[in-house]
Amino acid sequence: MVTMKKWYFSNDGKITGPFGLQAANEQVAKYPNAFAWHPSYAQWMPVSCVDEFDIFVSVPKPPMEVPKKLYEDFVGKEREMIATLQRIDKTLSVTNDSLHELDQDIDNTIEITHNLNIEVKTTIENIEQQFAALKKNLAVAKKHP
């Protein structure tokens, strides 16, 4: 004589059973989120994980078509965002070009300032030499009136 498996179910904490396979399948149909157990299991199993049960998975309905107004609003906002990003990109490009020109102007100003400093230093040295020479000549002239 073949002994049939006896199944026990736990649904929201309420334990029922034992059930033969046909009655167990009826329980699975009623309570698809229940847990099942029989003596060969070490723990309760979700009924969806027990291969011996007839589990019917219903095919979900396809999603609704996106309403035209919602789609048009989305496309409009997307276009506005793209236009804004293009303006920002153009502004950043102009700013980058301006910064590059400013950097060149600063480099030129530094070079001009350096050259002017050399010219001023040279001019001051020449004036100091001329002053020293005039002072010397004046001192000689005072000694020989």
C-alpha atoms as a PDB file:
ATOM      1  CA  MET A   1       0.000   0.000   0.000  1.00  0.00           C
ATOM      2  CA  VAL A   2       1.364   3.404  -1.049  1.00  0.00           C
ATOM      3  CA  THR A   3       1.188   6.110   1.559  1.00  0.00           C
ATOM      4  CA  MET A   4       0.329   9.538   0.216  1.00  0.00           C
ATOM      5  CA  LYS A   5       1.989  12.682   1.493  1.00  0.00           C
ATOM      6  CA  LYS A   6      -0.009  14.603   3.984  1.00  0.00           C
ATOM      7  CA  TRP A   7       0.229  18.387   3.770  1.00  0.00           C
ATOM      8  CA  TYR A   8      -0.248  20.996   6.438  1.00  0.00           C
ATOM      9  CA  PHE A   9      -0.854  24.687   5.751  1.00  0.00           C
ATOM     10  CA  SER A  10      -0.186  27.866   7.673  1.00  0.00           C
ATOM     11  CA  ASN A  11      -2.197  30.858   6.595  1.00  0.00           C
ATOM     12  CA  ASP A  12      -1.983  34.013   8.706  1.00  0.00           C
ATOM     13  CA  GLY A  13      -0.880  31.899  11.673  1.00  0.00           C
ATOM     14  CA  LYS A  14      -3.755  29.391  11.395  1.00  0.00           C
ATOM     15  CA  ILE A  15      -2.553  25.826  10.790  1.00  0.00           C
ATOM     16  CA  THR A  16      -4.795  23.378   8.931  1.00  0.00           C
ATOM     17  CA  GLY A  17      -4.344  19.834   7.679  1.00  0.00           C
ATOM     18  CA  PRO A  18      -3.468  17.141   7.067  1.00  0.00           C
ATOM     19  CA  PHE A  19      -4.559  17.176   3.397  1.00  0.00           C
ATOM     20  CA  GLY A  20      -3.958  14.795   0.526  1.00  0.00           C
ATOM     21  CA  LEU A  21      -2.608  16.268  -2.735  1.00  0.00           C
ATOM     22  CA  GLN A  22      -6.033  17.050  -4.253  1.00  0.00           C
ATOM     23  CA  ALA A  23      -7.265  18.822  -1.111  1.00  0.00           C
ATOM     24  CA  ALA A  24      -3.859  20.526  -0.775  1.00  0.00           C
ATOM     25  CA  ASN A  25      -4.237  21.943  -4.290  1.00  0.00           C
ATOM     26  CA  GLU A  26      -7.660  23.277  -3.302  1.00  0.00           C
ATOM     27  CA  GLN A  27      -6.036  24.990  -0.303  1.00  0.00           C
ATOM     28  CA  VAL A  28      -3.339  26.486  -2.569  1.00  0.00           C
ATOM     29  CA  ALA A  29      -6.028  27.848  -4.895  1.00  0.00           C
ATOM     30  CA  LYS A  30      -7.825  29.471  -1.934  1.00  0.00           C
ATOM     31  CA  TYR A  31      -4.705  30.722  -0.159  1.00  0.00           C
ATOM     32  CA  PRO A  32      -1.894  31.348  -2.679  1.00  0.00           C
ATOM     33  CA  ASN A  33       0.172  33.194  -0.060  1.00  0.00           C
ATOM     34  CA  ALA A  34       0.056  30.383   2.518  1.00  0.00           C
ATOM     35  CA  PHE A  35       2.948  28.192   3.657  1.00  0.00           C
ATOM     36  CA  ALA A  36       3.015  24.400   3.334  1.00  0.00           C
ATOM     37  CA  TRP A  37       4.759  21.671   5.284  1.00  0.00           C
ATOM     38  CA  HIS A  38       4.959  17.907   5.421  1.00  0.00           C
ATOM     39  CA  PRO A  39       7.215  15.696   7.559  1.00  0.00           C
ATOM     40  CA  SER A  40      10.019  15.492   4.954  1.00  0.00           C
ATOM     41  CA  TYR A  41      10.502  19.296   5.131  1.00  0.00           C
ATOM     42  CA  ALA A  42      12.726  20.928   7.720  1.00  0.00           C
ATOM     43  CA  GLN A  43      10.682  24.138   7.585  1.00  0.00           C
ATOM     44  CA  TRP A  44       7.535  25.742   6.241  1.00  0.00           C
ATOM     45  CA  MET A  45       7.716  26.617   2.520  1.00  0.00           C
ATOM     46  CA  PRO A  46       5.726  29.175   0.541  1.00  0.00           C
ATOM     47  CA  VAL A  47       3.208  27.216  -1.512  1.00  0.00           C
ATOM     48  CA  SER A  48       4.615  28.838  -4.662  1.00  0.00           C
ATOM     49  CA  CYS A  49       7.917  27.011  -3.975  1.00  0.00           C
ATOM     50  CA  VAL A  50       6.400  23.522  -3.754  1.00  0.00           C
ATOM     51  CA  ASP A  51       6.647  21.791  -7.143  1.00  0.00           C
ATOM     52  CA  GLU A  52       3.947  19.240  -6.354  1.00  0.00           C
ATOM     53  CA  PHE A  53       1.180  21.830  -6.153  1.00  0.00           C
ATOM     54  CA  ASP A  54      -0.774  22.980  -9.187  1.00  0.00           C
ATOM     55  CA  ILE A  55      -0.040  26.682  -9.173  1.00  0.00           C
ATOM     56  CA  PHE A  56      -1.780  28.759 -11.741  1.00  0.00           C
ATOM     57  CA  VAL A  57      -0.114  32.054 -12.417  1.00  0.00           C
ATOM     58  CA  SER A  58      -2.411  34.546 -14.001  1.00  0.00           C
ATOM     59  CA  VAL A  59      -0.890  36.632 -16.735  1.00  0.00           C
ATOM     60  CA  PRO A  60      -0.974  40.282 -15.745  1.00  0.00           C
ATOM     61  CA  LYS A  61      -2.859  42.711 -17.916  1.00  0.00           C
ATOM     62  CA  PRO A  62      -0.685  44.741 -20.231  1.00  0.00           C
ATOM     63  CA  PRO A  63      -0.149  48.300 -19.059  1.00  0.00           C
ATOM     64  CA  MET A  64      -2.538  50.940 -20.259  1.00  0.00           C
ATOM     65  CA  GLU A  65      -1.488  53.093 -23.141  1.00  0.00           C
ATOM     66  CA  VAL A  66      -0.023  56.353 -21.909  1.00  0.00           C
ATOM     67  CA  PRO A  67      -2.657  59.068 -22.301  1.00  0.00           C
ATOM     68  CA  LYS A  68      -1.866  61.426 -25.187  1.00  0.00           C
ATOM     69  CA  LYS A  69      -2.088  64.542 -22.983  1.00  0.00           C
ATOM     70  CA  LEU A  70       0.366  63.091 -20.458  1.00  0.00           C
ATOM     71  CA  TYR A  71       2.744  62.107 -23.259  1.00  0.00           C
ATOM     72  CA  GLU A  72       2.501  65.549 -24.890  1.00  0.00           C
ATOM     73  CA  ASP A  73       3.100  67.263 -21.531  1.00  0.00           C
ATOM     74  CA  PHE A  74       6.157  65.078 -20.981  1.00  0.00           C
ATOM     75  CA  VAL A  75       7.513  65.777 -24.472  1.00  0.00           C
ATOM     76  CA  GLY A  76       6.882  69.523 -23.978  1.00  0.00           C
ATOM     77  CA  LYS A  77       8.765  69.553 -20.674  1.00  0.00           C
ATOM     78  CA  GLU A  78      11.546  67.489 -22.223  1.00  0.00           C
ATOM     79  CA  ARG A  79      11.881  70.024 -25.066  1.00  0.00           C
ATOM     80  CA  GLU A  80      11.935  72.912 -22.572  1.00  0.00           C
ATOM     81  CA  MET A  81      14.649  71.140 -20.588  1.00  0.00           C
ATOM     82  CA  ILE A  82      16.698  70.487 -23.729  1.00  0.00           C
ATOM     83  CA  ALA A  83      16.382  74.169 -24.735  1.00  0.00           C
ATOM     84  CA  THR A  84      17.438  75.238 -21.232  1.00  0.00           C
ATOM     85  CA  LEU A  85      20.404  72.868 -21.297  1.00  0.00           C
ATOM     86  CA  GLN A  86      21.428  74.216 -24.704  1.00  0.00           C
ATOM     87  CA  ARG A  87      21.290  77.798 -23.366  1.00  0.00           C
ATOM     88  CA  ILE A  88      23.344  76.775 -20.347  1.00  0.00           C
ATOM     89  CA  ASP A  89      25.840  74.990 -22.600  1.00  0.00           C
ATOM     90  CA  LYS A  90      26.138  78.082 -24.812  1.00  0.00           C
ATOM     91  CA  THR A  91      26.568  80.319 -21.748  1.00  0.00           C
ATOM     92  CA  LEU A  92      29.258  78.015 -20.384  1.00  0.00           C
ATOM     93  CA  SER A  93      31.021  78.030 -23.755  1.00  0.00           C
ATOM     94  CA  VAL A  94      30.962  81.855 -23.932  1.00  0.00           C
ATOM     95  CA  THR A  95      32.131  82.059 -20.307  1.00  0.00           C
ATOM     96  CA  ASN A  96      34.958  79.614 -21.016  1.00  0.00           C
ATOM     97  CA  ASP A  97      36.036  81.657 -24.049  1.00  0.00           C
ATOM     98  CA  SER A  98      35.900  84.874 -21.984  1.00  0.00           C
ATOM     99  CA  LEU A  99      37.980  83.291 -19.225  1.00  0.00           C
ATOM    100  CA  HIS A 100      40.535  82.153 -21.796  1.00  0.00           C
ATOM    101  CA  GLU A 101      40.748  85.700 -23.214  1.00  0.00           C
ATOM    102  CA  LEU A 102      41.030  87.119 -19.691  1.00  0.00           C
ATOM    103  CA  ASP A 103      43.821  84.650 -18.928  1.00  0.00           C
ATOM    104  CA  GLN A 104      45.665  85.830 -22.046  1.00  0.00           C
ATOM    105  CA  ASP A 105      45.107  89.478 -21.047  1.00  0.00           C
ATOM    106  CA  ILE A 106      46.480  88.763 -17.572  1.00  0.00           C
ATOM    107  CA  ASP A 107      49.545  87.057 -19.070  1.00  0.00           C
ATOM    108  CA  ASN A 108      50.095  90.059 -21.382  1.00  0.00           C
ATOM    109  CA  THR A 109      49.637  92.494 -18.480  1.00  0.00           C
ATOM    110  CA  ILE A 110      52.169  90.562 -16.387  1.00  0.00           C
ATOM    111  CA  GLU A 111      54.689  90.649 -19.228  1.00  0.00           C
ATOM    112  CA  ILE A 112      54.120  94.383 -19.863  1.00  0.00           C
ATOM    113  CA  THR A 113      54.391  95.123 -16.124  1.00  0.00           C
ATOM    114  CA  HIS A 114      57.632  93.129 -15.920  1.00  0.00           C
ATOM    115  CA  ASN A 115      59.101  94.998 -18.901  1.00  0.00           C
ATOM    116  CA  LEU A 116      58.004  98.376 -17.495  1.00  0.00           C
ATOM    117  CA  ASN A 117      59.566  97.525 -14.140  1.00  0.00           C
ATOM    118  CA  ILE A 118      62.859  96.802 -15.919  1.00  0.00           C
ATOM    119  CA  GLU A 119      62.597 100.127 -17.836  1.00  0.00           C
ATOM    120  CA  VAL A 120      61.749 102.088 -14.672  1.00  0.00           C
ATOM    121  CA  LYS A 121      64.638 100.445 -12.779  1.00  0.00           C
ATOM    122  CA  THR A 122      67.030 101.218 -15.642  1.00  0.00           C
ATOM    123  CA  THR A 123      65.763 104.814 -15.842  1.00  0.00           C
ATOM    124  CA  ILE A 124      66.139 105.292 -12.086  1.00  0.00           C
ATOM    125  CA  GLU A 125      69.668 103.857 -12.235  1.00  0.00           C
ATOM    126  CA  ASN A 126      70.521 106.275 -15.087  1.00  0.00           C
ATOM    127  CA  ILE A 127      69.043 109.225 -13.153  1.00  0.00           C
ATOM    128  CA  GLU A 128      70.989 108.208 -10.040  1.00  0.00           C
ATOM    129  CA  GLN A 129      74.211 107.974 -12.108  1.00  0.00           C
ATOM    130  CA  GLN A 130      73.515 111.370 -13.683  1.00  0.00           C
ATOM    131  CA  PHE A 131      72.734 112.845 -10.249  1.00  0.00           C
ATOM    132  CA  ALA A 132      75.957 111.415  -8.832  1.00  0.00           C
ATOM    133  CA  ALA A 133      77.913 112.830 -11.782  1.00  0.00           C
ATOM    134  CA  LEU A 134      76.252 116.259 -11.407  1.00  0.00           C
ATOM    135  CA  LYS A 135      76.865 116.212  -7.661  1.00  0.00           C
ATOM    136  CA  LYS A 136      80.534 115.398  -8.294  1.00  0.00           C
ATOM    137  CA  ASN A 137      80.831 118.149 -10.916  1.00  0.00           C
ATOM    138  CA  LEU A 138      79.111 120.599  -8.558  1.00  0.00           C
ATOM    139  CA  ALA A 139      81.501 119.718  -5.756  1.00  0.00           C
ATOM    140  CA  VAL A 140      84.467 120.257  -8.098  1.00  0.00           C
ATOM    141  CA  ALA A 141      83.008 123.571  -9.285  1.00  0.00           C
ATOM    142  CA  LYS A 142      82.593 124.804  -5.718  1.00  0.00           C
ATOM    143  CA  LYS A 143      86.266 124.056  -4.973  1.00  0.00           C
ATOM    144  CA  HIS A 144      87.446 125.942  -8.072  1.00  0.00           C
ATOM    145  CA  PRO A 145      85.440 129.107  -8.351  1.00  0.00           C
END
